[in-house]
């Protein structure tokens, strides 16, 4: 509850920073409040409990603010090189909060920069936008590079199993699973409300109208926001399945209604613009009138089990563990076949068909998340079965000599052969080359970002001193 309160508070605060550049202060305050209680936020709070994505949505206003400045859409002053770093920081923050939100943010920013470059016929905007995206990806390389490379280690295709395909989660799609269909319709209802609000506020704000008193820059600004919002709306509809199949990594977003995150923010921008008109405060009243019954509906239609969290906490405390997700199983394994309760270490007969002690003594010296140390005294050749799955990053040493662990026939569980006598086993989760490369790239990117910000601060001090003279 505290996390949700803080997250939505920051979402409203960051939205105010953005909307204050687009509308009057009163309209920005009301628009920010509407963003904090938009249908997507209510869905995540009361039904989905996707707190990582909720945090990413709180950062989206900062990302859009930096992107609009980088695309020369906010004011007459040309953005400095430091604007690249100011864009890269919230972009990296979104990716580090939630990967699907990072994909949505990446495509949205790429579209915004492309549209701004085309409408202004400026290669500089395309270059700066590309540099900002590259620097943002560089800052997150310590996470993104291993996440991309190590997909070959796991059953990542299970992330797109039945029920998780984008084609099965477009708005108001039915499948044979009644619970899935019911939830999809709830999410679709929230998305439909946002789409209707986006359409009506766009028309009411009249920011896209070709009035003579509107500067070209203002029209370009609102047209860019409209293009991003309209694209997000369309990608939630069923006829856009082709894009989901062929755009890189977009299908791993899984649920097209996740584009509500983008629509909600763009809608808040046009809503703030509409509130500047006479009796514009009525829009705020309308949003509240929709939010209260929607929140009540979501609360009464949740299906969370009150015993679920205590049960999971007990599984962690006792060391029994709990079921993971299919896509993070190592290749050649199915976590549903794992024994529900097994000791951390046991001795397996050479034929691997049954458990047998055979006079073997095992002493656990150390058992932490990333390191295990055992001492084994075996009378005969034995196989030590660890409650550990065979990921390639595990490094196994027996008496100081590195070995390749074996596996059970039915599951990819680690099995270590030992010779008769005394053996010392050490298993540790090593830093692989992809992780080292990611850390180095992130450090270099951070240095570049700091250099850009430092140069901007020096230029600001110099300008201030010049004016003082």
Protein backbone atom coordinates (compact mmCIF):
# COMPACT_ATOMS: atom_id res chain seq x y z
CA UNK A 1 0.00 0.00 0.00
CA UNK A 2 2.84 2.39 0.86
CA UNK A 3 4.59 1.59 -2.43
CA UNK A 4 1.41 2.30 -4.42
CA UNK A 5 0.86 5.57 -2.55
CA UNK A 6 4.39 6.79 -3.22
CA UNK A 7 4.42 5.58 -6.81
CA UNK A 8 1.17 7.28 -7.77
CA UNK A 9 2.23 10.44 -5.93
CA UNK A 10 5.39 10.59 -7.99
CA UNK A 11 3.38 9.77 -11.12
CA UNK A 12 1.22 12.83 -10.51
CA UNK A 13 4.23 15.01 -9.62
CA UNK A 14 6.21 14.01 -12.71
CA UNK A 15 3.11 14.44 -14.86
CA UNK A 16 2.81 18.00 -13.52
CA UNK A 17 6.40 18.71 -14.60
CA UNK A 18 5.45 17.67 -18.14
CA UNK A 19 2.01 19.27 -18.31
CA UNK A 20 3.27 22.57 -16.91
CA UNK A 21 5.28 22.94 -20.14
CA UNK A 22 2.16 22.29 -22.22
CA UNK A 23 -0.64 24.10 -20.38
CA UNK A 24 -1.41 26.56 -17.58
CA UNK A 25 -0.54 25.73 -13.99
CA UNK A 26 -4.16 25.06 -12.97
CA UNK A 27 -4.73 22.79 -15.95
CA UNK A 28 -1.42 21.02 -15.29
CA UNK A 29 -2.40 20.29 -11.69
CA UNK A 30 -5.79 18.88 -12.67
CA UNK A 31 -4.29 16.90 -15.56
CA UNK A 32 -1.63 15.42 -13.27
CA UNK A 33 -4.31 14.33 -10.79
CA UNK A 34 -6.19 12.66 -13.63
CA UNK A 35 -3.05 10.82 -14.71
CA UNK A 36 -2.50 9.54 -11.17
CA UNK A 37 -5.98 7.94 -11.12
CA UNK A 38 -6.28 6.95 -14.77
CA UNK A 39 -7.98 3.58 -15.61
CA UNK A 40 -4.66 1.85 -16.26
CA UNK A 41 -3.34 2.89 -12.84
CA UNK A 42 -6.53 1.64 -11.18
CA UNK A 43 -6.25 -1.67 -13.04
CA UNK A 44 -2.66 -2.18 -11.88
CA UNK A 45 -3.51 -1.19 -8.31
CA UNK A 46 -6.63 -3.26 -7.74
CA UNK A 47 -6.36 -6.20 -10.16
CA UNK A 48 -2.93 -6.74 -11.75
CA UNK A 49 -0.59 -5.83 -8.86
CA UNK A 50 2.15 -5.26 -11.45
CA UNK A 51 4.10 -2.86 -9.28
CA UNK A 52 7.17 -2.83 -11.51
CA UNK A 53 5.12 -1.63 -14.48
CA UNK A 54 3.38 0.86 -12.21
CA UNK A 55 6.77 2.34 -11.32
CA UNK A 56 7.67 2.55 -15.01
CA UNK A 57 4.42 4.42 -15.69
CA UNK A 58 5.39 6.93 -13.01
CA UNK A 59 8.61 7.63 -14.95
CA UNK A 60 6.94 7.98 -18.35
CA UNK A 61 6.16 11.72 -17.90
CA UNK A 62 9.85 12.47 -17.31
CA UNK A 63 10.74 10.41 -20.37
CA UNK A 64 8.26 12.28 -22.58
CA UNK A 65 9.39 15.64 -21.22
CA UNK A 66 13.02 14.87 -22.06
CA UNK A 67 12.06 13.47 -25.48
CA UNK A 68 10.02 16.55 -26.44
CA UNK A 69 12.92 18.77 -25.47
CA UNK A 70 15.39 16.62 -27.40
CA UNK A 71 13.13 16.76 -30.46
CA UNK A 72 13.03 20.59 -30.32
CA UNK A 73 9.30 20.64 -29.68
CA UNK A 74 9.10 22.58 -26.42
CA UNK A 75 10.70 26.00 -26.90
CA UNK A 76 12.78 28.08 -29.28
CA UNK A 77 16.15 27.32 -27.67
CA UNK A 78 18.06 24.52 -29.33
CA UNK A 79 18.72 21.57 -26.99
CA UNK A 80 22.27 21.09 -25.83
CA UNK A 81 24.23 17.85 -25.77
CA UNK A 82 23.26 17.47 -22.10
CA UNK A 83 19.68 16.90 -23.30
CA UNK A 84 20.84 13.52 -24.58
CA UNK A 85 21.89 12.53 -21.05
CA UNK A 86 18.70 13.95 -19.54
CA UNK A 87 16.71 11.76 -21.92
CA UNK A 88 18.85 8.67 -21.37
CA UNK A 89 18.40 8.69 -17.56
CA UNK A 90 14.58 8.30 -17.43
CA UNK A 91 14.73 5.99 -20.45
CA UNK A 92 17.09 3.71 -18.52
CA UNK A 93 14.88 4.05 -15.45
CA UNK A 94 11.86 2.76 -17.36
CA UNK A 95 13.81 -0.23 -18.69
CA UNK A 96 15.20 -1.07 -15.24
CA UNK A 97 11.72 -0.86 -13.73
CA UNK A 98 9.91 -3.13 -16.18
CA UNK A 99 11.08 -4.73 -19.43
CA UNK A 100 7.69 -4.70 -21.25
CA UNK A 101 7.31 -1.02 -20.37
CA UNK A 102 10.83 -0.51 -21.72
CA UNK A 103 9.77 -2.02 -25.05
CA UNK A 104 6.71 0.24 -25.18
CA UNK A 105 8.80 3.26 -24.30
CA UNK A 106 11.44 2.42 -26.90
CA UNK A 107 8.95 2.15 -29.75
CA UNK A 108 7.09 5.28 -28.60
CA UNK A 109 10.28 7.34 -28.42
CA UNK A 110 11.52 6.04 -31.78
CA UNK A 111 8.18 7.03 -33.36
CA UNK A 112 8.23 10.46 -31.72
CA UNK A 113 11.78 11.20 -32.91
CA UNK A 114 11.04 9.91 -36.40
CA UNK A 115 7.89 12.03 -36.68
CA UNK A 116 9.66 15.13 -35.38
CA UNK A 117 12.58 14.62 -37.77
CA UNK A 118 10.26 14.17 -40.76
CA UNK A 119 7.95 17.09 -40.00
CA UNK A 120 10.86 19.43 -39.26
CA UNK A 121 13.07 17.96 -41.98
CA UNK A 122 15.98 17.87 -39.57
CA UNK A 123 18.61 15.16 -39.53
CA UNK A 124 19.90 16.63 -36.26
CA UNK A 125 16.74 15.53 -34.43
CA UNK A 126 17.09 11.98 -35.77
CA UNK A 127 20.76 11.96 -34.78
CA UNK A 128 20.14 13.31 -31.28
CA UNK A 129 17.21 10.96 -30.75
CA UNK A 130 19.29 7.98 -31.84
CA UNK A 131 22.11 9.10 -29.54
CA UNK A 132 19.71 9.41 -26.61
CA UNK A 133 18.30 5.94 -27.21
CA UNK A 134 21.80 4.47 -27.60
CA UNK A 135 23.02 6.11 -24.39
CA UNK A 136 19.93 4.90 -22.54
CA UNK A 137 20.49 1.35 -23.75
CA UNK A 138 24.14 1.68 -22.77
CA UNK A 139 23.23 2.67 -19.21
CA UNK A 140 21.07 -0.45 -18.88
CA UNK A 141 23.57 -2.81 -20.55
CA UNK A 142 24.51 -4.45 -17.24
CA UNK A 143 20.94 -5.78 -17.26
CA UNK A 144 19.87 -5.80 -20.92
CA UNK A 145 22.92 -7.49 -22.41
CA UNK A 146 22.75 -10.56 -20.12
CA UNK A 147 18.95 -10.62 -20.42
CA UNK A 148 19.23 -10.79 -24.21
CA UNK A 149 22.19 -13.17 -24.41
CA UNK A 150 21.03 -15.60 -21.71
CA UNK A 151 17.66 -16.18 -23.35
CA UNK A 152 19.33 -19.09 -25.11
CA UNK A 153 19.81 -20.72 -21.70
CA UNK A 154 16.12 -20.88 -20.82
CA UNK A 155 12.77 -21.88 -22.28
CA UNK A 156 12.02 -18.28 -23.25
CA UNK A 157 9.47 -19.43 -25.83
CA UNK A 158 7.15 -20.39 -22.95
CA UNK A 159 6.56 -16.65 -22.41
CA UNK A 160 4.43 -16.90 -25.55
CA UNK A 161 2.52 -20.05 -24.68
CA UNK A 162 -1.24 -20.36 -24.98
CA UNK A 163 -3.01 -17.53 -23.16
CA UNK A 164 0.01 -15.23 -23.39
CA UNK A 165 0.04 -14.58 -27.14
CA UNK A 166 -0.69 -10.99 -28.23
CA UNK A 167 -3.36 -12.29 -30.63
CA UNK A 168 -5.21 -13.80 -27.65
CA UNK A 169 -5.09 -10.58 -25.64
CA UNK A 170 -6.27 -7.93 -28.07
CA UNK A 171 -9.20 -5.88 -26.87
CA UNK A 172 -12.33 -7.95 -26.14
CA UNK A 173 -10.83 -11.21 -27.43
CA UNK A 174 -12.36 -14.49 -26.28
CA UNK A 175 -10.52 -17.78 -25.78
CA UNK A 176 -11.54 -21.09 -24.22
CA UNK A 177 -10.33 -20.05 -20.75
CA UNK A 178 -13.25 -18.24 -19.00
CA UNK A 179 -11.05 -16.58 -16.34
CA UNK A 180 -8.62 -15.33 -18.98
CA UNK A 181 -11.47 -13.95 -21.08
CA UNK A 182 -13.06 -12.25 -18.08
CA UNK A 183 -9.83 -10.52 -17.12
CA UNK A 184 -9.14 -9.54 -20.72
CA UNK A 185 -12.56 -7.91 -20.90
CA UNK A 186 -11.87 -5.96 -17.69
CA UNK A 187 -8.56 -4.70 -19.13
CA UNK A 188 -10.29 -3.99 -22.44
CA UNK A 189 -12.95 -1.91 -20.67
CA UNK A 190 -10.23 0.22 -19.06
CA UNK A 191 -8.48 0.58 -22.42
CA UNK A 192 -11.72 1.56 -24.14
CA UNK A 193 -12.35 4.30 -21.58
CA UNK A 194 -8.86 5.70 -22.20
CA UNK A 195 -9.27 5.56 -25.97
CA UNK A 196 -12.58 7.44 -25.76
CA UNK A 197 -11.06 10.02 -23.42
CA UNK A 198 -8.09 10.42 -25.74
CA UNK A 199 -10.35 10.96 -28.76
CA UNK A 200 -12.73 13.41 -27.06
CA UNK A 201 -10.02 15.47 -25.35
CA UNK A 202 -8.08 15.67 -28.61
CA UNK A 203 -11.12 17.17 -30.30
CA UNK A 204 -12.03 19.38 -27.33
CA UNK A 205 -8.53 20.81 -26.90
CA UNK A 206 -8.40 21.82 -30.60
CA UNK A 207 -4.62 21.73 -30.41
CA UNK A 208 -4.46 20.11 -33.84
CA UNK A 209 -6.58 22.79 -35.49
CA UNK A 210 -4.76 25.02 -37.98
CA UNK A 211 -5.36 28.34 -36.25
CA UNK A 212 -3.24 31.32 -37.17
CA UNK A 213 -2.48 32.16 -33.55
CA UNK A 214 -0.84 28.79 -32.98
CA UNK A 215 2.84 28.69 -33.78
CA UNK A 216 4.19 25.99 -36.07
CA UNK A 217 6.22 24.55 -33.19
CA UNK A 218 3.07 24.20 -31.08
CA UNK A 219 1.26 22.36 -33.86
CA UNK A 220 4.26 20.06 -34.37
CA UNK A 221 4.34 19.34 -30.64
CA UNK A 222 0.71 18.31 -30.40
CA UNK A 223 0.78 16.41 -33.68
CA UNK A 224 3.73 14.36 -32.39
CA UNK A 225 1.84 13.53 -29.18
CA UNK A 226 -1.25 12.65 -31.20
CA UNK A 227 0.69 10.31 -33.51
CA UNK A 228 2.23 8.46 -30.55
CA UNK A 229 -1.14 8.20 -28.77
CA UNK A 230 -2.99 7.10 -31.92
CA UNK A 231 -0.37 4.44 -32.67
CA UNK A 232 -0.70 3.11 -29.10
CA UNK A 233 -4.49 2.94 -29.50
CA UNK A 234 -4.28 1.08 -32.81
CA UNK A 235 -1.78 -1.46 -31.51
CA UNK A 236 -4.35 -2.61 -28.96
CA UNK A 237 -6.72 -3.66 -31.73
CA UNK A 238 -6.85 -7.08 -33.35
CA UNK A 239 -6.10 -6.04 -36.94
CA UNK A 240 -2.57 -4.95 -35.92
CA UNK A 241 -1.45 -8.52 -35.12
CA UNK A 242 0.94 -8.35 -38.06
CA UNK A 243 3.02 -5.72 -36.27
CA UNK A 244 3.09 -7.84 -33.12
CA UNK A 245 4.47 -10.77 -35.09
CA UNK A 246 7.24 -8.95 -36.93
CA UNK A 247 8.39 -5.93 -34.92
CA UNK A 248 11.45 -7.01 -32.86
CA UNK A 249 10.59 -8.14 -29.32
CA UNK A 250 7.15 -6.51 -29.40
CA UNK A 251 5.44 -9.88 -29.01
CA UNK A 252 7.14 -10.32 -25.61
CA UNK A 253 4.99 -7.48 -24.31
CA UNK A 254 2.31 -10.23 -24.52
CA UNK A 255 -0.72 -8.05 -23.77
CA UNK A 256 -1.66 -5.35 -26.30
CA UNK A 257 -3.69 -3.49 -23.66
CA UNK A 258 -0.38 -2.64 -22.00
CA UNK A 259 -0.25 0.23 -24.49
CA UNK A 260 -2.67 1.92 -22.09
CA UNK A 261 0.45 3.16 -20.31
CA UNK A 262 1.26 5.40 -23.27
CA UNK A 263 -2.34 6.33 -24.09
CA UNK A 264 -2.97 7.41 -20.48
CA UNK A 265 -0.09 9.91 -20.53
CA UNK A 266 -0.89 11.36 -23.96
CA UNK A 267 -4.54 11.59 -22.92
CA UNK A 268 -3.49 13.56 -19.81
CA UNK A 269 -1.65 16.02 -22.08
CA UNK A 270 -4.72 16.70 -24.24
CA UNK A 271 -6.92 16.69 -21.14
CA UNK A 272 -4.82 19.46 -19.60
CA UNK A 273 -5.09 21.42 -22.84
CA UNK A 274 -8.89 21.01 -22.84
CA UNK A 275 -9.05 22.20 -19.22
CA UNK A 276 -7.63 25.56 -20.25
CA UNK A 277 -10.87 26.41 -22.00
CA UNK A 278 -13.85 27.99 -20.29
CA UNK A 279 -15.46 25.55 -17.86
CA UNK A 280 -12.57 23.22 -18.54
CA UNK A 281 -12.71 22.04 -14.91
CA UNK A 282 -15.76 19.99 -15.93
CA UNK A 283 -13.36 17.57 -17.63
CA UNK A 284 -11.78 16.92 -14.23
CA UNK A 285 -15.22 16.27 -12.75
CA UNK A 286 -15.95 13.86 -15.61
CA UNK A 287 -12.73 11.91 -15.01
CA UNK A 288 -13.49 11.61 -11.29
CA UNK A 289 -17.05 10.55 -12.08
CA UNK A 290 -15.63 7.73 -14.22
CA UNK A 291 -12.78 6.78 -11.85
CA UNK A 292 -14.87 6.22 -8.71
CA UNK A 293 -17.27 3.61 -10.16
CA UNK A 294 -14.43 2.03 -12.13
CA UNK A 295 -12.36 1.67 -8.96
CA UNK A 296 -15.34 0.14 -7.15
CA UNK A 297 -15.91 -2.27 -10.03
CA UNK A 298 -12.24 -3.37 -10.03
CA UNK A 299 -12.19 -3.90 -6.27
CA UNK A 300 -15.34 -6.00 -6.27
CA UNK A 301 -14.17 -8.10 -9.23
CA UNK A 302 -10.72 -9.01 -7.94
CA UNK A 303 -10.05 -12.69 -7.31
CA UNK A 304 -6.99 -12.66 -5.08
CA UNK A 305 -6.76 -15.40 -2.47
CA UNK A 306 -6.06 -13.97 1.00
CA UNK A 307 -4.08 -17.12 1.89
CA UNK A 308 -1.79 -16.86 -1.14
CA UNK A 309 0.86 -14.52 0.31
CA UNK A 310 1.13 -16.29 3.72
CA UNK A 311 1.47 -19.61 1.90
CA UNK A 312 4.25 -18.28 -0.30
CA UNK A 313 6.01 -16.64 2.64
CA UNK A 314 5.92 -19.95 4.50
CA UNK A 315 7.36 -21.76 1.47
CA UNK A 316 10.30 -19.35 1.43
CA UNK A 317 10.84 -19.47 5.20
CA UNK A 318 10.84 -23.26 5.38
CA UNK A 319 13.06 -23.60 2.32
CA UNK A 320 10.56 -25.75 0.43
CA UNK A 321 10.39 -23.21 -2.40
CA UNK A 322 7.53 -22.40 -4.74
CA UNK A 323 6.65 -22.87 -8.40
CA UNK A 324 8.47 -20.60 -10.82
CA UNK A 325 7.47 -19.60 -14.33
CA UNK A 326 7.98 -21.76 -17.40
CA UNK A 327 10.06 -19.28 -19.39
CA UNK A 328 12.86 -19.14 -16.79
CA UNK A 329 13.41 -22.89 -16.62
CA UNK A 330 16.76 -23.99 -18.09
CA UNK A 331 16.63 -25.60 -21.51
CA UNK A 332 15.58 -29.24 -21.25
CA UNK A 333 13.61 -28.85 -18.03
CA UNK A 334 10.01 -28.45 -16.94
CA UNK A 335 9.55 -27.03 -13.46
CA UNK A 336 6.21 -28.83 -13.14
CA UNK A 337 8.16 -32.13 -13.03
CA UNK A 338 10.32 -31.02 -10.11
CA UNK A 339 9.62 -32.87 -6.84
CA UNK A 340 7.45 -30.68 -4.58
CA UNK A 341 9.69 -31.27 -1.58
CA UNK A 342 13.22 -32.59 -1.69
CA UNK A 343 16.26 -32.09 0.54
CA UNK A 344 18.94 -29.62 -0.53
CA UNK A 345 21.39 -32.49 -0.99
CA UNK A 346 20.95 -36.23 -1.36
CA UNK A 347 22.91 -39.23 -2.58
CA UNK A 348 21.66 -40.92 -5.75
CA UNK A 349 22.56 -44.44 -6.81
CA UNK A 350 24.70 -44.79 -9.89
CA UNK A 351 21.68 -45.90 -11.91
CA UNK A 352 19.90 -42.63 -10.86
CA UNK A 353 16.67 -44.47 -10.21
CA UNK A 354 16.42 -44.20 -6.44
CA UNK A 355 17.92 -42.49 -3.43
CA UNK A 356 20.52 -44.45 -1.50
CA UNK A 357 22.97 -43.44 1.19
CA UNK A 358 25.49 -46.29 0.60
CA UNK A 359 27.53 -45.14 3.59
CA UNK A 360 28.10 -41.67 2.16
CA UNK A 361 28.31 -38.75 4.62
CA UNK A 362 27.58 -35.18 3.51
CA UNK A 363 28.29 -32.00 5.46
CA UNK A 364 26.92 -28.71 4.15
CA UNK A 365 29.54 -26.03 4.86
CA UNK A 366 27.87 -23.19 3.03
CA UNK A 367 24.52 -22.84 1.26
CA UNK A 368 23.72 -19.38 -0.05
CA UNK A 369 21.92 -18.14 -3.13
CA UNK A 370 25.04 -17.96 -5.30
CA UNK A 371 27.46 -20.31 -3.56
CA UNK A 372 27.30 -23.84 -2.13
CA UNK A 373 30.11 -25.73 -0.38
CA UNK A 374 29.91 -29.40 0.62
CA UNK A 375 32.19 -32.01 2.18
CA UNK A 376 31.51 -35.57 1.14
CA UNK A 377 32.96 -38.82 2.47
CA UNK A 378 31.94 -41.65 0.15
CA UNK A 379 32.59 -45.36 0.49
CA UNK A 380 31.96 -45.96 -3.21
CA UNK A 381 31.50 -43.98 -6.39
CA UNK A 382 28.47 -41.78 -5.68
CA UNK A 383 26.29 -39.20 -7.32
CA UNK A 384 25.42 -36.11 -5.27
CA UNK A 385 22.07 -34.64 -6.23
CA UNK A 386 21.70 -30.92 -5.43
CA UNK A 387 18.40 -29.09 -5.33
CA UNK A 388 19.69 -26.86 -8.07
CA UNK A 389 18.91 -26.49 -11.76
CA UNK A 390 21.68 -26.65 -14.35
CA UNK A 391 22.13 -23.08 -15.59
CA UNK A 392 25.32 -22.53 -17.62
CA UNK A 393 26.57 -19.86 -15.21
CA UNK A 394 27.07 -22.39 -12.42
CA UNK A 395 30.73 -23.32 -11.93
CA UNK A 396 31.30 -26.68 -10.22
CA UNK A 397 34.61 -27.77 -8.67
CA UNK A 398 35.39 -31.08 -7.00
CA UNK A 399 38.63 -31.02 -4.99
CA UNK A 400 39.67 -27.85 -6.81
CA UNK A 401 39.13 -29.33 -10.28
CA UNK A 402 36.39 -27.89 -12.44
CA UNK A 403 33.93 -30.46 -13.78
CA UNK A 404 30.80 -30.48 -15.91
CA UNK A 405 27.82 -31.52 -13.77
CA UNK A 406 25.51 -34.28 -14.87
CA UNK A 407 21.71 -34.26 -14.74
CA UNK A 408 18.85 -36.52 -13.85
CA UNK A 409 17.08 -38.32 -16.65
CA UNK A 410 13.69 -36.65 -16.17
CA UNK A 411 14.65 -33.15 -15.02
CA UNK A 412 17.64 -30.85 -15.52
CA UNK A 413 18.69 -31.00 -11.87
CA UNK A 414 22.37 -30.82 -10.99
CA UNK A 415 24.11 -34.10 -10.23
CA UNK A 416 27.80 -34.19 -9.22
CA UNK A 417 29.79 -37.44 -9.37
CA UNK A 418 32.36 -38.07 -6.63
CA UNK A 419 35.01 -40.75 -6.18
CA UNK A 420 35.41 -42.90 -3.06
CA UNK A 421 37.02 -41.03 -0.20
CA UNK A 422 36.97 -37.41 0.88
CA UNK A 423 35.70 -34.79 -1.60
CA UNK A 424 35.15 -31.06 -1.35
CA UNK A 425 32.51 -29.64 -3.66
CA UNK A 426 32.15 -25.97 -4.46
CA UNK A 427 29.35 -24.63 -6.63
CA UNK A 428 29.20 -20.91 -7.38
CA UNK A 429 27.24 -18.71 -9.73
CA UNK A 430 29.93 -17.05 -11.83
CA UNK A 431 29.96 -13.75 -13.66
CA UNK A 432 29.85 -14.75 -17.29
CA UNK A 433 31.37 -12.82 -20.18
CA UNK A 434 28.07 -11.25 -21.20
CA UNK A 435 27.60 -9.83 -17.71
CA UNK A 436 31.13 -8.44 -17.61
CA UNK A 437 30.66 -6.84 -21.02
CA UNK A 438 27.34 -5.36 -19.89
CA UNK A 439 28.89 -3.84 -16.75
CA UNK A 440 31.75 -2.31 -18.74
CA UNK A 441 29.35 -0.82 -21.29
CA UNK A 442 27.14 0.60 -18.54
CA UNK A 443 30.12 2.19 -16.78
CA UNK A 444 31.33 3.77 -20.02
CA UNK A 445 27.82 5.05 -20.76
CA UNK A 446 27.54 6.50 -17.26
CA UNK A 447 30.84 8.33 -17.75
CA UNK A 448 29.57 9.77 -21.05
CA UNK A 449 26.34 10.91 -19.38
CA UNK A 450 28.25 12.53 -16.51
CA UNK A 451 30.57 14.27 -18.96
CA UNK A 452 27.63 15.72 -20.90
CA UNK A 453 25.97 16.94 -17.71
CA UNK A 454 29.25 18.37 -16.38
CA UNK A 455 29.87 20.32 -19.56
CA UNK A 456 26.33 21.70 -19.39
CA UNK A 457 26.80 22.81 -15.79
CA UNK A 458 30.07 24.55 -16.67
CA UNK A 459 28.43 26.32 -19.59
CA UNK A 460 25.59 27.44 -17.31
CA UNK A 461 28.01 28.85 -14.73
CA UNK A 462 29.97 30.63 -17.45
CA UNK A 463 26.80 32.20 -18.89
CA UNK A 464 25.71 33.32 -15.43
CA UNK A 465 29.07 34.96 -14.74
CA UNK A 466 29.00 36.69 -18.12
CA UNK A 467 25.58 38.19 -17.41
CA UNK A 468 26.75 39.30 -13.94
CA UNK A 469 29.58 41.27 -15.52
